[in-house]
Amino acid sequence: MNAQLCSQFRIGLLFLFLALSQACQTPVAEAPENLIPEAKMAQILTEIHLAEARVTKLNRISQDSNTLIYKHIEKQIFRKYQVDTAAYSKSYTYYSSDPEQLAEIYKKVTEELERRKKTTDTSSVTKSKLPTRLKNLAK
């Protein structure tokens, strides 16, 4: 339960940080040539946040090790979605220039994370894995 609250708290803080940091930037007038579509951007951000959570959960002694592991996973994500770092960076900057648009993207990210959480929660505890005394309570 603590891990779930911590995860939700981190997502909330991240969103607040993004909104506040972007409020100080000047808006980008036009979209870059290689702009990643919103839906794909939401998928990429979902994977990136999951990767960050995985690396944080590893609790490696060295921060350098965590960074190397994260960078490796990030490269795999970009390869999976056929996006390069520059396109991701420019697209993120573009979407960040419009807080409402960024909020819509993060709404999709949050929905996907919640969907995955529910899938994990229901698949991790099935009746067959419950002790006998708890199976009777579930009826």
N, C-alpha and C. Protein backbone atom coordinates (compact mmCIF):
# COMPACT_ATOMS: atom_id res chain seq x y z
N MET A 1 0.83 -1.19 0.00
CA MET A 1 0.00 0.00 0.00
C MET A 1 0.87 1.25 0.00
N ASN A 2 1.95 1.25 0.80
CA ASN A 2 2.85 2.38 0.85
C ASN A 2 3.48 2.67 -0.51
N ALA A 3 3.86 1.63 -1.22
CA ALA A 3 4.48 1.80 -2.54
C ALA A 3 3.51 2.44 -3.51
N GLN A 4 2.24 2.07 -3.43
CA GLN A 4 1.24 2.66 -4.33
C GLN A 4 1.05 4.14 -4.05
N LEU A 5 0.95 4.49 -2.78
CA LEU A 5 0.79 5.90 -2.41
C LEU A 5 2.01 6.69 -2.81
N CYS A 6 3.18 6.11 -2.61
CA CYS A 6 4.43 6.77 -2.97
C CYS A 6 4.48 7.01 -4.47
N SER A 7 4.06 6.02 -5.25
CA SER A 7 4.05 6.14 -6.70
C SER A 7 3.10 7.23 -7.16
N GLN A 8 1.91 7.26 -6.59
CA GLN A 8 0.93 8.28 -6.95
C GLN A 8 1.42 9.67 -6.53
N PHE A 9 2.06 9.74 -5.38
CA PHE A 9 2.60 11.00 -4.89
C PHE A 9 3.68 11.51 -5.84
N ARG A 10 4.56 10.61 -6.31
CA ARG A 10 5.61 11.00 -7.24
C ARG A 10 5.04 11.52 -8.55
N ILE A 11 4.01 10.86 -9.05
CA ILE A 11 3.39 11.29 -10.30
C ILE A 11 2.78 12.68 -10.11
N GLY A 12 2.12 12.88 -8.98
CA GLY A 12 1.54 14.19 -8.69
C GLY A 12 2.59 15.27 -8.59
N LEU A 13 3.69 14.97 -7.89
CA LEU A 13 4.77 15.94 -7.78
C LEU A 13 5.40 16.24 -9.13
N LEU A 14 5.57 15.20 -9.94
CA LEU A 14 6.13 15.38 -11.27
C LEU A 14 5.25 16.31 -12.10
N PHE A 15 3.95 16.06 -12.06
CA PHE A 15 3.03 16.88 -12.82
C PHE A 15 3.06 18.33 -12.33
N LEU A 16 3.07 18.53 -11.02
CA LEU A 16 3.14 19.87 -10.45
C LEU A 16 4.43 20.56 -10.86
N PHE A 17 5.54 19.83 -10.77
CA PHE A 17 6.83 20.39 -11.15
C PHE A 17 6.83 20.81 -12.63
N LEU A 18 6.29 19.94 -13.49
CA LEU A 18 6.24 20.26 -14.92
C LEU A 18 5.39 21.50 -15.17
N ALA A 19 4.25 21.57 -14.53
CA ALA A 19 3.36 22.71 -14.73
C ALA A 19 4.04 24.00 -14.27
N LEU A 20 4.68 23.96 -13.12
CA LEU A 20 5.34 25.16 -12.59
C LEU A 20 6.55 25.56 -13.43
N SER A 21 7.34 24.57 -13.84
CA SER A 21 8.53 24.90 -14.63
C SER A 21 8.17 25.43 -16.01
N GLN A 22 7.08 24.93 -16.55
CA GLN A 22 6.68 25.36 -17.88
C GLN A 22 6.01 26.73 -17.87
N ALA A 23 5.47 27.12 -16.75
CA ALA A 23 4.83 28.43 -16.64
C ALA A 23 5.83 29.55 -16.85
N CYS A 24 7.09 29.28 -16.57
CA CYS A 24 8.13 30.30 -16.70
C CYS A 24 8.74 30.35 -18.09
N GLN A 25 8.42 29.41 -18.94
CA GLN A 25 9.00 29.37 -20.28
C GLN A 25 8.14 30.14 -21.28
N THR A 26 8.79 30.61 -22.33
CA THR A 26 8.04 31.25 -23.40
C THR A 26 7.46 30.18 -24.30
N PRO A 27 6.24 30.38 -24.77
CA PRO A 27 5.60 29.36 -25.60
C PRO A 27 6.31 29.15 -26.94
N VAL A 28 6.31 27.91 -27.40
CA VAL A 28 6.86 27.58 -28.71
C VAL A 28 5.75 27.83 -29.72
N ALA A 29 6.03 28.65 -30.73
CA ALA A 29 4.99 29.06 -31.67
C ALA A 29 4.56 27.94 -32.61
N GLU A 30 5.49 27.22 -33.17
CA GLU A 30 5.10 26.18 -34.12
C GLU A 30 5.73 24.83 -33.78
N ALA A 31 5.06 23.81 -34.22
CA ALA A 31 5.49 22.44 -33.91
C ALA A 31 6.76 22.11 -34.69
N PRO A 32 7.66 21.33 -34.06
CA PRO A 32 8.85 20.90 -34.80
C PRO A 32 8.48 19.93 -35.91
N GLU A 33 9.37 19.78 -36.88
CA GLU A 33 9.11 18.89 -38.02
C GLU A 33 8.84 17.46 -37.60
N ASN A 34 9.62 16.98 -36.65
CA ASN A 34 9.52 15.58 -36.23
C ASN A 34 8.70 15.43 -34.93
N LEU A 35 7.63 16.20 -34.82
CA LEU A 35 6.79 16.17 -33.62
C LEU A 35 6.18 14.78 -33.44
N ILE A 36 6.31 14.25 -32.24
CA ILE A 36 5.71 12.96 -31.90
C ILE A 36 4.24 13.21 -31.61
N PRO A 37 3.33 12.45 -32.22
CA PRO A 37 1.90 12.64 -31.96
C PRO A 37 1.58 12.44 -30.47
N GLU A 38 0.53 13.12 -30.01
CA GLU A 38 0.16 13.09 -28.59
C GLU A 38 0.00 11.67 -28.04
N ALA A 39 -0.71 10.82 -28.75
CA ALA A 39 -0.97 9.46 -28.27
C ALA A 39 0.34 8.69 -28.09
N LYS A 40 1.23 8.83 -29.06
CA LYS A 40 2.52 8.13 -28.99
C LYS A 40 3.37 8.72 -27.87
N MET A 41 3.30 10.04 -27.70
CA MET A 41 4.04 10.71 -26.63
C MET A 41 3.57 10.20 -25.28
N ALA A 42 2.27 10.02 -25.12
CA ALA A 42 1.73 9.49 -23.86
C ALA A 42 2.24 8.08 -23.60
N GLN A 43 2.32 7.27 -24.64
CA GLN A 43 2.85 5.91 -24.49
C GLN A 43 4.32 5.93 -24.07
N ILE A 44 5.08 6.80 -24.70
CA ILE A 44 6.51 6.91 -24.38
C ILE A 44 6.68 7.38 -22.93
N LEU A 45 5.93 8.40 -22.55
CA LEU A 45 6.04 8.92 -21.18
C LEU A 45 5.63 7.87 -20.15
N THR A 46 4.63 7.09 -20.48
CA THR A 46 4.22 6.01 -19.57
C THR A 46 5.38 5.04 -19.36
N GLU A 47 6.01 4.63 -20.45
CA GLU A 47 7.14 3.71 -20.35
C GLU A 47 8.31 4.33 -19.60
N ILE A 48 8.54 5.62 -19.82
CA ILE A 48 9.65 6.30 -19.14
C ILE A 48 9.40 6.36 -17.63
N HIS A 49 8.18 6.67 -17.23
CA HIS A 49 7.87 6.73 -15.80
C HIS A 49 7.96 5.35 -15.16
N LEU A 50 7.55 4.33 -15.87
CA LEU A 50 7.69 2.97 -15.36
C LEU A 50 9.17 2.60 -15.21
N ALA A 51 9.97 3.01 -16.17
CA ALA A 51 11.42 2.74 -16.12
C ALA A 51 12.04 3.46 -14.91
N GLU A 52 11.66 4.71 -14.70
CA GLU A 52 12.17 5.45 -13.55
C GLU A 52 11.80 4.74 -12.24
N ALA A 53 10.58 4.25 -12.17
CA ALA A 53 10.13 3.54 -10.97
C ALA A 53 10.93 2.25 -10.77
N ARG A 54 11.16 1.51 -11.85
CA ARG A 54 11.93 0.28 -11.76
C ARG A 54 13.35 0.53 -11.26
N VAL A 55 13.98 1.56 -11.82
CA VAL A 55 15.36 1.87 -11.43
C VAL A 55 15.40 2.33 -9.97
N THR A 56 14.44 3.14 -9.57
CA THR A 56 14.38 3.60 -8.19
C THR A 56 14.19 2.43 -7.24
N LYS A 57 13.40 1.47 -7.66
CA LYS A 57 13.11 0.29 -6.83
C LYS A 57 14.35 -0.60 -6.66
N LEU A 58 15.29 -0.53 -7.57
CA LEU A 58 16.49 -1.36 -7.50
C LEU A 58 17.36 -1.01 -6.29
N ASN A 59 17.33 0.24 -5.86
CA ASN A 59 18.12 0.70 -4.71
C ASN A 59 19.60 0.36 -4.85
N ARG A 60 20.17 0.66 -5.97
CA ARG A 60 21.59 0.43 -6.18
C ARG A 60 22.39 1.35 -5.26
N ILE A 61 23.57 0.91 -4.91
CA ILE A 61 24.42 1.71 -4.03
C ILE A 61 24.88 2.97 -4.74
N SER A 62 25.24 2.84 -5.98
CA SER A 62 25.80 3.95 -6.74
C SER A 62 24.74 4.64 -7.60
N GLN A 63 24.69 5.94 -7.49
CA GLN A 63 23.79 6.72 -8.33
C GLN A 63 24.18 6.59 -9.80
N ASP A 64 25.49 6.43 -10.04
CA ASP A 64 25.97 6.24 -11.41
C ASP A 64 25.40 4.97 -12.02
N SER A 65 25.32 3.92 -11.21
CA SER A 65 24.75 2.65 -11.69
C SER A 65 23.28 2.84 -12.08
N ASN A 66 22.55 3.54 -11.23
CA ASN A 66 21.14 3.82 -11.53
C ASN A 66 21.01 4.60 -12.84
N THR A 67 21.86 5.59 -13.01
CA THR A 67 21.81 6.41 -14.22
C THR A 67 22.11 5.58 -15.46
N LEU A 68 23.11 4.72 -15.37
CA LEU A 68 23.46 3.86 -16.51
C LEU A 68 22.32 2.90 -16.85
N ILE A 69 21.73 2.32 -15.83
CA ILE A 69 20.61 1.40 -16.06
C ILE A 69 19.45 2.14 -16.69
N TYR A 70 19.12 3.33 -16.16
CA TYR A 70 18.02 4.11 -16.70
C TYR A 70 18.28 4.50 -18.16
N LYS A 71 19.47 4.96 -18.46
CA LYS A 71 19.80 5.36 -19.84
C LYS A 71 19.66 4.18 -20.80
N HIS A 72 20.05 3.00 -20.35
CA HIS A 72 19.91 1.80 -21.18
C HIS A 72 18.43 1.52 -21.46
N ILE A 73 17.62 1.58 -20.41
CA ILE A 73 16.18 1.34 -20.58
C ILE A 73 15.55 2.41 -21.46
N GLU A 74 15.97 3.65 -21.27
CA GLU A 74 15.44 4.75 -22.07
C GLU A 74 15.75 4.55 -23.56
N LYS A 75 16.95 4.09 -23.88
CA LYS A 75 17.30 3.80 -25.27
C LYS A 75 16.39 2.72 -25.85
N GLN A 76 16.11 1.70 -25.04
CA GLN A 76 15.21 0.63 -25.48
C GLN A 76 13.81 1.17 -25.76
N ILE A 77 13.35 2.08 -24.93
CA ILE A 77 12.02 2.68 -25.12
C ILE A 77 11.99 3.47 -26.43
N PHE A 78 13.01 4.29 -26.65
CA PHE A 78 13.05 5.09 -27.87
C PHE A 78 13.14 4.18 -29.11
N ARG A 79 13.90 3.09 -28.99
CA ARG A 79 14.00 2.14 -30.10
C ARG A 79 12.64 1.48 -30.36
N LYS A 80 11.96 1.10 -29.29
CA LYS A 80 10.65 0.45 -29.40
C LYS A 80 9.66 1.35 -30.15
N TYR A 81 9.67 2.64 -29.85
CA TYR A 81 8.72 3.57 -30.47
C TYR A 81 9.31 4.27 -31.69
N GLN A 82 10.50 3.87 -32.09
CA GLN A 82 11.18 4.40 -33.28
C GLN A 82 11.27 5.93 -33.23
N VAL A 83 11.83 6.40 -32.12
CA VAL A 83 11.98 7.83 -31.87
C VAL A 83 13.42 8.06 -31.44
N ASP A 84 13.99 9.18 -31.86
CA ASP A 84 15.33 9.49 -31.37
C ASP A 84 15.24 10.52 -30.24
N THR A 85 16.34 10.70 -29.55
CA THR A 85 16.38 11.58 -28.39
C THR A 85 16.02 13.02 -28.76
N ALA A 86 16.49 13.47 -29.90
CA ALA A 86 16.21 14.84 -30.33
C ALA A 86 14.71 15.04 -30.58
N ALA A 87 14.09 14.10 -31.25
CA ALA A 87 12.65 14.22 -31.53
C ALA A 87 11.86 14.22 -30.22
N TYR A 88 12.25 13.35 -29.30
CA TYR A 88 11.58 13.30 -28.00
C TYR A 88 11.74 14.63 -27.26
N SER A 89 12.95 15.13 -27.22
CA SER A 89 13.24 16.38 -26.51
C SER A 89 12.48 17.56 -27.10
N LYS A 90 12.50 17.67 -28.43
CA LYS A 90 11.78 18.78 -29.10
C LYS A 90 10.28 18.65 -28.92
N SER A 91 9.77 17.43 -28.99
CA SER A 91 8.34 17.21 -28.81
C SER A 91 7.93 17.53 -27.38
N TYR A 92 8.74 17.11 -26.43
CA TYR A 92 8.42 17.39 -25.03
C TYR A 92 8.42 18.89 -24.76
N THR A 93 9.41 19.58 -25.32
CA THR A 93 9.48 21.03 -25.16
C THR A 93 8.26 21.69 -25.79
N TYR A 94 7.87 21.23 -26.97
CA TYR A 94 6.70 21.79 -27.65
C TYR A 94 5.44 21.59 -26.82
N TYR A 95 5.21 20.36 -26.38
CA TYR A 95 4.00 20.08 -25.59
C TYR A 95 4.02 20.81 -24.26
N SER A 96 5.21 21.01 -23.70
CA SER A 96 5.34 21.72 -22.42
C SER A 96 5.01 23.20 -22.55
N SER A 97 5.09 23.71 -23.76
CA SER A 97 4.79 25.13 -23.95
C SER A 97 3.29 25.41 -23.83
N ASP A 98 2.48 24.37 -23.88
CA ASP A 98 1.03 24.51 -23.72
C ASP A 98 0.59 23.62 -22.55
N PRO A 99 0.45 24.21 -21.35
CA PRO A 99 0.11 23.41 -20.17
C PRO A 99 -1.16 22.57 -20.32
N GLU A 100 -2.14 23.07 -21.04
CA GLU A 100 -3.38 22.30 -21.23
C GLU A 100 -3.13 21.06 -22.08
N GLN A 101 -2.34 21.21 -23.10
CA GLN A 101 -2.01 20.08 -23.97
C GLN A 101 -1.17 19.05 -23.20
N LEU A 102 -0.21 19.53 -22.42
CA LEU A 102 0.61 18.64 -21.61
C LEU A 102 -0.24 17.92 -20.56
N ALA A 103 -1.20 18.64 -19.99
CA ALA A 103 -2.10 18.02 -19.01
C ALA A 103 -2.92 16.90 -19.66
N GLU A 104 -3.35 17.10 -20.89
CA GLU A 104 -4.10 16.06 -21.61
C GLU A 104 -3.24 14.82 -21.85
N ILE A 105 -1.99 15.05 -22.20
CA ILE A 105 -1.07 13.93 -22.41
C ILE A 105 -0.87 13.18 -21.10
N TYR A 106 -0.65 13.93 -20.02
CA TYR A 106 -0.43 13.28 -18.73
C TYR A 106 -1.70 12.64 -18.17
N LYS A 107 -2.83 13.10 -18.62
CA LYS A 107 -4.08 12.43 -18.24
C LYS A 107 -4.09 11.02 -18.84
N LYS A 108 -3.65 10.92 -20.10
CA LYS A 108 -3.55 9.61 -20.76
C LYS A 108 -2.51 8.73 -20.07
N VAL A 109 -1.40 9.33 -19.67
CA VAL A 109 -0.34 8.59 -18.98
C VAL A 109 -0.88 8.03 -17.67
N THR A 110 -1.56 8.88 -16.91
CA THR A 110 -2.12 8.46 -15.62
C THR A 110 -3.15 7.36 -15.80
N GLU A 111 -4.01 7.49 -16.80
CA GLU A 111 -5.02 6.47 -17.07
C GLU A 111 -4.36 5.13 -17.41
N GLU A 112 -3.32 5.17 -18.21
CA GLU A 112 -2.62 3.93 -18.59
C GLU A 112 -1.92 3.31 -17.38
N LEU A 113 -1.31 4.13 -16.55
CA LEU A 113 -0.64 3.61 -15.36
C LEU A 113 -1.67 2.98 -14.41
N GLU A 114 -2.82 3.62 -14.27
CA GLU A 114 -3.88 3.07 -13.42
C GLU A 114 -4.40 1.75 -14.00
N ARG A 115 -4.55 1.69 -15.33
CA ARG A 115 -5.02 0.47 -15.97
C ARG A 115 -4.04 -0.67 -15.72
N ARG A 116 -2.77 -0.38 -15.87
CA ARG A 116 -1.75 -1.41 -15.65
C ARG A 116 -1.70 -1.83 -14.18
N LYS A 117 -1.90 -0.87 -13.30
CA LYS A 117 -1.90 -1.18 -11.87
C LYS A 117 -3.05 -2.12 -11.53
N LYS A 118 -4.23 -1.85 -12.08
CA LYS A 118 -5.39 -2.70 -11.83
C LYS A 118 -5.15 -4.10 -12.38
N THR A 119 -4.58 -4.17 -13.56
CA THR A 119 -4.28 -5.47 -14.17
C THR A 119 -3.30 -6.25 -13.29
N THR A 120 -2.29 -5.58 -12.80
CA THR A 120 -1.30 -6.22 -11.93
C THR A 120 -1.92 -6.65 -10.61
N ASP A 121 -2.75 -5.77 -10.02
CA ASP A 121 -3.39 -6.08 -8.74
C ASP A 121 -4.29 -7.30 -8.85
N THR A 122 -5.08 -7.38 -9.91
CA THR A 122 -6.02 -8.50 -10.04
C THR A 122 -5.32 -9.79 -10.43
N SER A 123 -4.24 -9.71 -11.17
CA SER A 123 -3.55 -10.93 -11.58
C SER A 123 -2.61 -11.46 -10.50
N SER A 124 -2.18 -10.61 -9.59
CA SER A 124 -1.24 -11.06 -8.58
C SER A 124 -1.89 -11.84 -7.45
N VAL A 125 -3.17 -11.60 -7.20
CA VAL A 125 -3.87 -12.33 -6.15
C VAL A 125 -5.09 -13.00 -6.76
N THR A 126 -4.97 -14.30 -6.97
CA THR A 126 -6.10 -15.06 -7.49
C THR A 126 -6.58 -16.01 -6.41
N LYS A 127 -7.80 -16.51 -6.58
CA LYS A 127 -8.35 -17.40 -5.57
C LYS A 127 -7.49 -18.64 -5.38
N SER A 128 -6.87 -19.12 -6.44
CA SER A 128 -6.07 -20.33 -6.34
C SER A 128 -4.83 -20.12 -5.47
N LYS A 129 -4.37 -18.90 -5.33
CA LYS A 129 -3.19 -18.62 -4.53
C LYS A 129 -3.54 -18.28 -3.08
N LEU A 130 -4.82 -18.11 -2.78
CA LEU A 130 -5.23 -17.77 -1.43
C LEU A 130 -5.15 -19.00 -0.54
N PRO A 131 -4.77 -18.80 0.73
CA PRO A 131 -4.81 -19.91 1.67
C PRO A 131 -6.24 -20.40 1.82
N THR A 132 -6.41 -21.65 2.22
CA THR A 132 -7.73 -22.28 2.32
C THR A 132 -8.67 -21.48 3.20
N ARG A 133 -8.19 -21.00 4.34
CA ARG A 133 -9.07 -20.26 5.25
C ARG A 133 -9.56 -18.95 4.63
N LEU A 134 -8.78 -18.35 3.71
CA LEU A 134 -9.20 -17.12 3.05
C LEU A 134 -10.11 -17.40 1.86
N LYS A 135 -9.96 -18.54 1.23
CA LYS A 135 -10.86 -18.91 0.12
C LYS A 135 -12.30 -18.96 0.60
N ASN A 136 -12.49 -19.48 1.81
CA ASN A 136 -13.84 -19.57 2.37
C ASN A 136 -14.43 -18.20 2.64
N LEU A 137 -13.58 -17.23 3.00
CA LEU A 137 -14.05 -15.87 3.27
C LEU A 137 -14.45 -15.18 1.97
N ALA A 138 -13.80 -15.52 0.88
CA ALA A 138 -14.07 -14.87 -0.39
C ALA A 138 -15.43 -15.24 -0.96
N LYS A 139 -16.06 -16.33 -0.47
CA LYS A 139 -17.35 -16.79 -1.00
C LYS A 139 -18.50 -15.98 -0.51
